[in-house]
All heavy atoms as atom14 arrays in JSON, in Angstrom:
{
  "sequence": "EFRDRVAAKSATLVFSSFYAGNPSSVYGHSLLRLNKSD",
  "atom14_mask": [
    [1, 1, 1, 1, 1, 1, 1, 1, 1, 0, 0, 0, 0, 0],
    [1, 1, 1, 1, 1, 1, 1, 1, 1, 1, 1, 0, 0, 0],
    [1, 1, 1, 1, 1, 1, 1, 1, 1, 1, 1, 0, 0, 0],
    [1, 1, 1, 1, 1, 1, 1, 1, 0, 0, 0, 0, 0, 0],
    [1, 1, 1, 1, 1, 1, 1, 1, 1, 1, 1, 0, 0, 0],
    [1, 1, 1, 1, 1, 1, 1, 0, 0, 0, 0, 0, 0, 0],
    [1, 1, 1, 1, 1, 0, 0, 0, 0, 0, 0, 0, 0, 0],
    [1, 1, 1, 1, 1, 0, 0, 0, 0, 0, 0, 0, 0, 0],
    [1, 1, 1, 1, 1, 1, 1, 1, 1, 0, 0, 0, 0, 0],
    [1, 1, 1, 1, 1, 1, 0, 0, 0, 0, 0, 0, 0, 0],
    [1, 1, 1, 1, 1, 0, 0, 0, 0, 0, 0, 0, 0, 0],
    [1, 1, 1, 1, 1, 1, 1, 0, 0, 0, 0, 0, 0, 0],
    [1, 1, 1, 1, 1, 1, 1, 1, 0, 0, 0, 0, 0, 0],
    [1, 1, 1, 1, 1, 1, 1, 0, 0, 0, 0, 0, 0, 0],
    [1, 1, 1, 1, 1, 1, 1, 1, 1, 1, 1, 0, 0, 0],
    [1, 1, 1, 1, 1, 1, 0, 0, 0, 0, 0, 0, 0, 0],
    [1, 1, 1, 1, 1, 1, 0, 0, 0, 0, 0, 0, 0, 0],
    [1, 1, 1, 1, 1, 1, 1, 1, 1, 1, 1, 0, 0, 0],
    [1, 1, 1, 1, 1, 1, 1, 1, 1, 1, 1, 1, 0, 0],
    [1, 1, 1, 1, 1, 0, 0, 0, 0, 0, 0, 0, 0, 0],
    [1, 1, 1, 1, 0, 0, 0, 0, 0, 0, 0, 0, 0, 0],
    [1, 1, 1, 1, 1, 1, 1, 1, 0, 0, 0, 0, 0, 0],
    [1, 1, 1, 1, 1, 1, 1, 0, 0, 0, 0, 0, 0, 0],
    [1, 1, 1, 1, 1, 1, 0, 0, 0, 0, 0, 0, 0, 0],
    [1, 1, 1, 1, 1, 1, 0, 0, 0, 0, 0, 0, 0, 0],
    [1, 1, 1, 1, 1, 1, 1, 0, 0, 0, 0, 0, 0, 0],
    [1, 1, 1, 1, 1, 1, 1, 1, 1, 1, 1, 1, 0, 0],
    [1, 1, 1, 1, 0, 0, 0, 0, 0, 0, 0, 0, 0, 0],
    [1, 1, 1, 1, 1, 1, 1, 1, 1, 1, 0, 0, 0, 0],
    [1, 1, 1, 1, 1, 1, 0, 0, 0, 0, 0, 0, 0, 0],
    [1, 1, 1, 1, 1, 1, 1, 1, 0, 0, 0, 0, 0, 0],
    [1, 1, 1, 1, 1, 1, 1, 1, 0, 0, 0, 0, 0, 0],
    [1, 1, 1, 1, 1, 1, 1, 1, 1, 1, 1, 0, 0, 0],
    [1, 1, 1, 1, 1, 1, 1, 1, 0, 0, 0, 0, 0, 0],
    [1, 1, 1, 1, 1, 1, 1, 1, 0, 0, 0, 0, 0, 0],
    [1, 1, 1, 1, 1, 1, 1, 1, 1, 0, 0, 0, 0, 0],
    [1, 1, 1, 1, 1, 1, 0, 0, 0, 0, 0, 0, 0, 0],
    [1, 1, 1, 1, 1, 1, 1, 1, 0, 0, 0, 0, 0, 0]
  ],
  "atom14_positions": [
    [[-11.56, -12.51, 14.57], [-10.11, -12.29, 14.65], [-9.73, -10.97, 13.99], [-8.89, -10.22, 14.49], [-9.37, -13.45, 13.98], [-9.41, -14.75, 14.78], [-8.7, -15.89, 14.06], [-8.35, -15.72, 12.87], [-8.52, -16.95, 14.69], [0.0, 0.0, 0.0], [0.0, 0.0, 0.0], [0.0, 0.0, 0.0], [0.0, 0.0, 0.0], [0.0, 0.0, 0.0]],
    [[-10.36, -10.68, 12.84], [-10.13, -9.41, 12.14], [-10.54, -8.24, 13.03], [-9.78, -7.28, 13.21], [-10.92, -9.41, 10.84], [-10.99, -8.09, 10.14], [-9.95, -7.63, 9.36], [-12.13, -7.29, 10.26], [-10.02, -6.4, 8.72], [-12.21, -6.06, 9.62], [-11.15, -5.62, 8.84], [0.0, 0.0, 0.0], [0.0, 0.0, 0.0], [0.0, 0.0, 0.0]],
    [[-11.72, -8.31, 13.6], [-12.24, -7.23, 14.45], [-11.34, -7.01, 15.67], [-11.02, -5.87, 16.02], [-13.65, -7.59, 14.89], [-14.34, -6.56, 15.77], [-15.56, -7.17, 16.42], [-15.19, -8.31, 17.28], [-16.04, -9.26, 17.66], [-17.3, -9.24, 17.25], [-15.61, -10.24, 18.44], [0.0, 0.0, 0.0], [0.0, 0.0, 0.0], [0.0, 0.0, 0.0]],
    [[-10.91, -8.1, 16.3], [-10.08, -7.97, 17.49], [-8.69, -7.46, 17.16], [-8.07, -6.75, 17.96], [-9.99, -9.33, 18.21], [-11.34, -9.78, 18.76], [-12.26, -8.94, 18.87], [-11.47, -10.98, 19.07], [0.0, 0.0, 0.0], [0.0, 0.0, 0.0], [0.0, 0.0, 0.0], [0.0, 0.0, 0.0], [0.0, 0.0, 0.0], [0.0, 0.0, 0.0]],
    [[-8.19, -7.83, 16.0], [-6.86, -7.35, 15.6], [-6.88, -5.85, 15.32], [-5.96, -5.12, 15.69], [-6.38, -8.13, 14.38], [-4.93, -7.88, 14.0], [-4.42, -8.96, 13.05], [-5.21, -9.06, 11.83], [-6.0, -10.09, 11.52], [-6.1, -11.11, 12.35], [-6.67, -10.12, 10.39], [0.0, 0.0, 0.0], [0.0, 0.0, 0.0], [0.0, 0.0, 0.0]],
    [[-7.93, -5.38, 14.67], [-8.06, -3.95, 14.39], [-8.31, -3.17, 15.68], [-7.73, -2.1, 15.9], [-9.19, -3.71, 13.37], [-9.48, -2.23, 13.22], [-8.82, -4.31, 12.01], [0.0, 0.0, 0.0], [0.0, 0.0, 0.0], [0.0, 0.0, 0.0], [0.0, 0.0, 0.0], [0.0, 0.0, 0.0], [0.0, 0.0, 0.0], [0.0, 0.0, 0.0]],
    [[-9.19, -3.69, 16.54], [-9.47, -3.1, 17.86], [-9.75, -1.61, 17.77], [-9.19, -0.8, 18.54], [-8.3, -3.37, 18.82], [0.0, 0.0, 0.0], [0.0, 0.0, 0.0], [0.0, 0.0, 0.0], [0.0, 0.0, 0.0], [0.0, 0.0, 0.0], [0.0, 0.0, 0.0], [0.0, 0.0, 0.0], [0.0, 0.0, 0.0], [0.0, 0.0, 0.0]],
    [[-10.61, -1.22, 16.85], [-10.85, 0.21, 16.6], [-11.77, 0.82, 17.64], [-12.82, 0.27, 17.96], [-11.45, 0.38, 15.21], [0.0, 0.0, 0.0], [0.0, 0.0, 0.0], [0.0, 0.0, 0.0], [0.0, 0.0, 0.0], [0.0, 0.0, 0.0], [0.0, 0.0, 0.0], [0.0, 0.0, 0.0], [0.0, 0.0, 0.0], [0.0, 0.0, 0.0]],
    [[-11.37, 1.99, 18.15], [-12.2, 2.77, 19.05], [-12.64, 4.08, 18.41], [-13.57, 4.73, 18.88], [-11.45, 3.06, 20.34], [-11.21, 1.84, 21.21], [-10.55, 2.21, 22.52], [-10.35, 0.99, 23.4], [-9.67, 1.34, 24.68], [0.0, 0.0, 0.0], [0.0, 0.0, 0.0], [0.0, 0.0, 0.0], [0.0, 0.0, 0.0], [0.0, 0.0, 0.0]],
    [[-11.95, 4.5, 17.36], [-12.29, 5.74, 16.65], [-11.71, 5.66, 15.25], [-10.99, 4.72, 14.9], [-11.75, 6.96, 17.41], [-10.33, 6.93, 17.44], [0.0, 0.0, 0.0], [0.0, 0.0, 0.0], [0.0, 0.0, 0.0], [0.0, 0.0, 0.0], [0.0, 0.0, 0.0], [0.0, 0.0, 0.0], [0.0, 0.0, 0.0], [0.0, 0.0, 0.0]],
    [[-12.03, 6.65, 14.43], [-11.55, 6.66, 13.04], [-11.09, 8.06, 12.66], [-11.62, 9.07, 13.16], [-12.66, 6.19, 12.09], [0.0, 0.0, 0.0], [0.0, 0.0, 0.0], [0.0, 0.0, 0.0], [0.0, 0.0, 0.0], [0.0, 0.0, 0.0], [0.0, 0.0, 0.0], [0.0, 0.0, 0.0], [0.0, 0.0, 0.0], [0.0, 0.0, 0.0]],
    [[-10.12, 8.11, 11.78], [-9.53, 9.37, 11.33], [-9.41, 9.35, 9.82], [-8.91, 8.38, 9.25], [-8.13, 9.55, 11.95], [-8.24, 9.61, 13.38], [-7.46, 10.82, 11.46], [0.0, 0.0, 0.0], [0.0, 0.0, 0.0], [0.0, 0.0, 0.0], [0.0, 0.0, 0.0], [0.0, 0.0, 0.0], [0.0, 0.0, 0.0], [0.0, 0.0, 0.0]],
    [[-9.9, 10.41, 9.17], [-9.69, 10.57, 7.73], [-8.33, 11.22, 7.52], [-8.02, 12.24, 8.16], [-10.79, 11.43, 7.11], [-10.66, 11.68, 5.6], [-10.9, 10.4, 4.81], [-11.63, 12.77, 5.15], [0.0, 0.0, 0.0], [0.0, 0.0, 0.0], [0.0, 0.0, 0.0], [0.0, 0.0, 0.0], [0.0, 0.0, 0.0], [0.0, 0.0, 0.0]],
    [[-7.52, 10.64, 6.65], [-6.16, 11.15, 6.41], [-6.06, 11.64, 4.97], [-6.45, 10.94, 4.03], [-5.11, 10.05, 6.67], [-3.71, 10.58, 6.41], [-5.23, 9.51, 8.08], [0.0, 0.0, 0.0], [0.0, 0.0, 0.0], [0.0, 0.0, 0.0], [0.0, 0.0, 0.0], [0.0, 0.0, 0.0], [0.0, 0.0, 0.0], [0.0, 0.0, 0.0]],
    [[-5.54, 12.84, 4.81], [-5.25, 13.41, 3.49], [-3.75, 13.47, 3.31], [-3.04, 14.08, 4.11], [-5.86, 14.8, 3.35], [-5.43, 15.54, 2.1], [-6.08, 15.33, 0.9], [-4.36, 16.42, 2.14], [-5.69, 16.0, -0.25], [-3.96, 17.09, 0.99], [-4.63, 16.88, -0.2], [0.0, 0.0, 0.0], [0.0, 0.0, 0.0], [0.0, 0.0, 0.0]],
    [[-3.25, 12.81, 2.27], [-1.83, 12.87, 1.94], [-1.66, 13.89, 0.82], [-2.33, 13.8, -0.22], [-1.36, 11.49, 1.48], [-0.03, 11.57, 1.01], [0.0, 0.0, 0.0], [0.0, 0.0, 0.0], [0.0, 0.0, 0.0], [0.0, 0.0, 0.0], [0.0, 0.0, 0.0], [0.0, 0.0, 0.0], [0.0, 0.0, 0.0], [0.0, 0.0, 0.0]],
    [[-0.77, 14.84, 1.01], [-0.66, 15.94, 0.06], [-0.13, 15.49, -1.29], [0.24, 14.34, -1.49], [0.23, 17.05, 0.65], [1.53, 16.58, 0.89], [0.0, 0.0, 0.0], [0.0, 0.0, 0.0], [0.0, 0.0, 0.0], [0.0, 0.0, 0.0], [0.0, 0.0, 0.0], [0.0, 0.0, 0.0], [0.0, 0.0, 0.0], [0.0, 0.0, 0.0]],
    [[-0.08, 16.41, -2.19], [0.16, 16.15, -3.6], [1.56, 15.58, -3.87], [2.52, 15.93, -3.21], [-0.03, 17.46, -4.38], [-1.14, 18.28, -3.82], [-0.87, 19.4, -3.03], [-2.46, 17.93, -4.03], [-1.9, 20.14, -2.48], [-3.49, 18.68, -3.49], [-3.21, 19.78, -2.71], [0.0, 0.0, 0.0], [0.0, 0.0, 0.0], [0.0, 0.0, 0.0]],
    [[1.63, 14.71, -4.88], [2.9, 14.08, -5.22], [2.98, 13.96, -6.74], [2.31, 13.15, -7.35], [3.0, 12.69, -4.58], [4.28, 11.95, -4.91], [5.52, 12.5, -4.64], [4.23, 10.68, -5.48], [6.7, 11.82, -4.93], [5.4, 9.99, -5.77], [6.63, 10.56, -5.49], [7.78, 9.88, -5.79], [0.0, 0.0, 0.0], [0.0, 0.0, 0.0]],
    [[3.81, 14.81, -7.34], [3.92, 14.85, -8.79], [4.68, 13.66, -9.37], [4.66, 13.43, -10.57], [4.6, 16.14, -9.24], [0.0, 0.0, 0.0], [0.0, 0.0, 0.0], [0.0, 0.0, 0.0], [0.0, 0.0, 0.0], [0.0, 0.0, 0.0], [0.0, 0.0, 0.0], [0.0, 0.0, 0.0], [0.0, 0.0, 0.0], [0.0, 0.0, 0.0]],
    [[5.35, 12.87, -8.52], [6.12, 11.73, -9.0], [5.27, 10.55, -9.43], [5.79, 9.59, -9.99], [0.0, 0.0, 0.0], [0.0, 0.0, 0.0], [0.0, 0.0, 0.0], [0.0, 0.0, 0.0], [0.0, 0.0, 0.0], [0.0, 0.0, 0.0], [0.0, 0.0, 0.0], [0.0, 0.0, 0.0], [0.0, 0.0, 0.0], [0.0, 0.0, 0.0]],
    [[3.98, 10.58, -9.16], [3.08, 9.49, -9.53], [1.78, 10.1, -10.06], [1.11, 10.83, -9.32], [2.79, 8.6, -8.32], [1.94, 7.4, -8.66], [1.28, 7.36, -9.7], [1.94, 6.41, -7.78], [0.0, 0.0, 0.0], [0.0, 0.0, 0.0], [0.0, 0.0, 0.0], [0.0, 0.0, 0.0], [0.0, 0.0, 0.0], [0.0, 0.0, 0.0]],
    [[1.4, 9.83, -11.31], [0.2, 10.46, -11.87], [-1.06, 10.23, -11.03], [-1.91, 11.1, -10.94], [0.07, 9.79, -13.24], [1.44, 9.35, -13.59], [2.09, 8.98, -12.29], [0.0, 0.0, 0.0], [0.0, 0.0, 0.0], [0.0, 0.0, 0.0], [0.0, 0.0, 0.0], [0.0, 0.0, 0.0], [0.0, 0.0, 0.0], [0.0, 0.0, 0.0]],
    [[-1.16, 9.05, -10.39], [-2.37, 8.76, -9.62], [-2.42, 9.52, -8.3], [-3.45, 9.52, -7.63], [-2.46, 7.26, -9.34], [-1.4, 6.83, -8.52], [0.0, 0.0, 0.0], [0.0, 0.0, 0.0], [0.0, 0.0, 0.0], [0.0, 0.0, 0.0], [0.0, 0.0, 0.0], [0.0, 0.0, 0.0], [0.0, 0.0, 0.0], [0.0, 0.0, 0.0]],
    [[-1.33, 10.18, -7.91], [-1.29, 10.92, -6.64], [-1.06, 12.41, -6.83], [-0.78, 13.11, -5.86], [-0.19, 10.34, -5.73], [-0.45, 9.01, -5.41], [0.0, 0.0, 0.0], [0.0, 0.0, 0.0], [0.0, 0.0, 0.0], [0.0, 0.0, 0.0], [0.0, 0.0, 0.0], [0.0, 0.0, 0.0], [0.0, 0.0, 0.0], [0.0, 0.0, 0.0]],
    [[-1.19, 12.88, -8.05], [-0.86, 14.28, -8.31], [-1.83, 15.22, -7.61], [-1.5, 16.38, -7.34], [-0.82, 14.54, -9.83], [-2.2, 14.55, -10.44], [-0.08, 15.84, -10.14], [0.0, 0.0, 0.0], [0.0, 0.0, 0.0], [0.0, 0.0, 0.0], [0.0, 0.0, 0.0], [0.0, 0.0, 0.0], [0.0, 0.0, 0.0], [0.0, 0.0, 0.0]],
    [[-3.04, 14.75, -7.26], [-4.0, 15.58, -6.53], [-4.07, 15.2, -5.05], [-4.93, 15.67, -4.33], [-5.39, 15.46, -7.15], [-5.49, 16.07, -8.53], [-5.56, 15.27, -9.66], [-5.47, 17.46, -8.69], [-5.63, 15.83, -10.92], [-5.54, 18.02, -9.95], [-5.62, 17.21, -11.06], [-5.69, 17.76, -12.32], [0.0, 0.0, 0.0], [0.0, 0.0, 0.0]],
    [[-3.18, 14.32, -4.62], [-3.2, 13.87, -3.24], [-3.86, 12.5, -3.13], [-4.14, 11.83, -4.14], [0.0, 0.0, 0.0], [0.0, 0.0, 0.0], [0.0, 0.0, 0.0], [0.0, 0.0, 0.0], [0.0, 0.0, 0.0], [0.0, 0.0, 0.0], [0.0, 0.0, 0.0], [0.0, 0.0, 0.0], [0.0, 0.0, 0.0], [0.0, 0.0, 0.0]],
    [[-4.13, 12.08, -1.9], [-4.71, 10.75, -1.66], [-5.49, 10.78, -0.35], [-5.15, 11.53, 0.57], [-3.6, 9.7, -1.59], [-4.09, 8.3, -1.39], [-4.91, 7.66, -2.3], [-3.89, 7.41, -0.39], [-5.18, 6.44, -1.88], [-4.58, 6.27, -0.71], [0.0, 0.0, 0.0], [0.0, 0.0, 0.0], [0.0, 0.0, 0.0], [0.0, 0.0, 0.0]],
    [[-6.57, 10.0, -0.28], [-7.38, 9.9, 0.94], [-7.34, 8.47, 1.46], [-7.39, 7.52, 0.68], [-8.84, 10.28, 0.64], [-8.93, 11.59, 0.15], [0.0, 0.0, 0.0], [0.0, 0.0, 0.0], [0.0, 0.0, 0.0], [0.0, 0.0, 0.0], [0.0, 0.0, 0.0], [0.0, 0.0, 0.0], [0.0, 0.0, 0.0], [0.0, 0.0, 0.0]],
    [[-7.26, 8.32, 2.77], [-7.37, 7.01, 3.4], [-7.94, 7.2, 4.8], [-8.12, 8.34, 5.27], [-6.03, 6.29, 3.46], [-4.91, 6.91, 4.3], [-4.01, 5.81, 4.84], [-4.07, 7.88, 3.46], [0.0, 0.0, 0.0], [0.0, 0.0, 0.0], [0.0, 0.0, 0.0], [0.0, 0.0, 0.0], [0.0, 0.0, 0.0], [0.0, 0.0, 0.0]],
    [[-8.27, 6.1, 5.46], [-8.75, 6.15, 6.84], [-7.72, 5.52, 7.76], [-6.94, 4.67, 7.34], [-10.07, 5.38, 6.97], [-11.36, 6.05, 6.51], [-12.51, 5.08, 6.65], [-11.64, 7.32, 7.3], [0.0, 0.0, 0.0], [0.0, 0.0, 0.0], [0.0, 0.0, 0.0], [0.0, 0.0, 0.0], [0.0, 0.0, 0.0], [0.0, 0.0, 0.0]],
    [[-7.73, 5.95, 9.02], [-6.95, 5.28, 10.05], [-7.91, 4.82, 11.14], [-8.74, 5.61, 11.62], [-5.9, 6.21, 10.66], [-4.9, 5.49, 11.56], [-3.9, 6.43, 12.19], [-4.5, 7.25, 13.22], [-4.24, 8.55, 13.4], [-3.39, 9.16, 12.59], [-4.82, 9.23, 14.36], [0.0, 0.0, 0.0], [0.0, 0.0, 0.0], [0.0, 0.0, 0.0]],
    [[-7.83, 3.54, 11.49], [-8.65, 2.99, 12.56], [-7.81, 3.0, 13.83], [-6.77, 2.34, 13.9], [-9.09, 1.57, 12.22], [-9.93, 1.45, 10.94], [-10.25, -0.01, 10.66], [-11.21, 2.26, 11.05], [0.0, 0.0, 0.0], [0.0, 0.0, 0.0], [0.0, 0.0, 0.0], [0.0, 0.0, 0.0], [0.0, 0.0, 0.0], [0.0, 0.0, 0.0]],
    [[-8.24, 3.76, 14.82], [-7.44, 4.03, 16.0], [-7.79, 3.09, 17.16], [-8.96, 2.92, 17.49], [-7.66, 5.48, 16.47], [-7.5, 6.48, 15.33], [-6.49, 6.49, 14.65], [-8.51, 7.31, 15.13], [0.0, 0.0, 0.0], [0.0, 0.0, 0.0], [0.0, 0.0, 0.0], [0.0, 0.0, 0.0], [0.0, 0.0, 0.0], [0.0, 0.0, 0.0]],
    [[-6.76, 2.55, 17.78], [-6.96, 1.75, 18.98], [-7.2, 2.63, 20.2], [-7.57, 2.15, 21.26], [-5.75, 0.84, 19.22], [-5.56, -0.23, 18.15], [-4.37, -1.11, 18.47], [-4.23, -2.24, 17.47], [-3.88, -1.77, 16.12], [0.0, 0.0, 0.0], [0.0, 0.0, 0.0], [0.0, 0.0, 0.0], [0.0, 0.0, 0.0], [0.0, 0.0, 0.0]],
    [[-6.98, 3.93, 20.03], [-7.24, 4.9, 21.09], [-8.29, 5.87, 20.58], [-8.85, 5.69, 19.49], [-5.96, 5.65, 21.45], [-5.48, 6.35, 20.31], [0.0, 0.0, 0.0], [0.0, 0.0, 0.0], [0.0, 0.0, 0.0], [0.0, 0.0, 0.0], [0.0, 0.0, 0.0], [0.0, 0.0, 0.0], [0.0, 0.0, 0.0], [0.0, 0.0, 0.0]],
    [[-8.53, 6.92, 21.35], [-9.52, 7.92, 20.94], [-8.86, 8.95, 20.03], [-8.7, 10.11, 20.37], [-10.12, 8.58, 22.18], [-11.26, 9.53, 21.81], [-11.77, 9.42, 20.68], [-11.62, 10.37, 22.64], [0.0, 0.0, 0.0], [0.0, 0.0, 0.0], [0.0, 0.0, 0.0], [0.0, 0.0, 0.0], [0.0, 0.0, 0.0], [0.0, 0.0, 0.0]]
  ]
}
């Protein structure tokens, strides 16, 4: 059910730029996006 709900065909690394309002994000943040398309 988890696999079918995600339905990933590709993956994207996402960089979120710097945010001085939160100490843990002052250098930015990294995450992935699982794409249902290419």
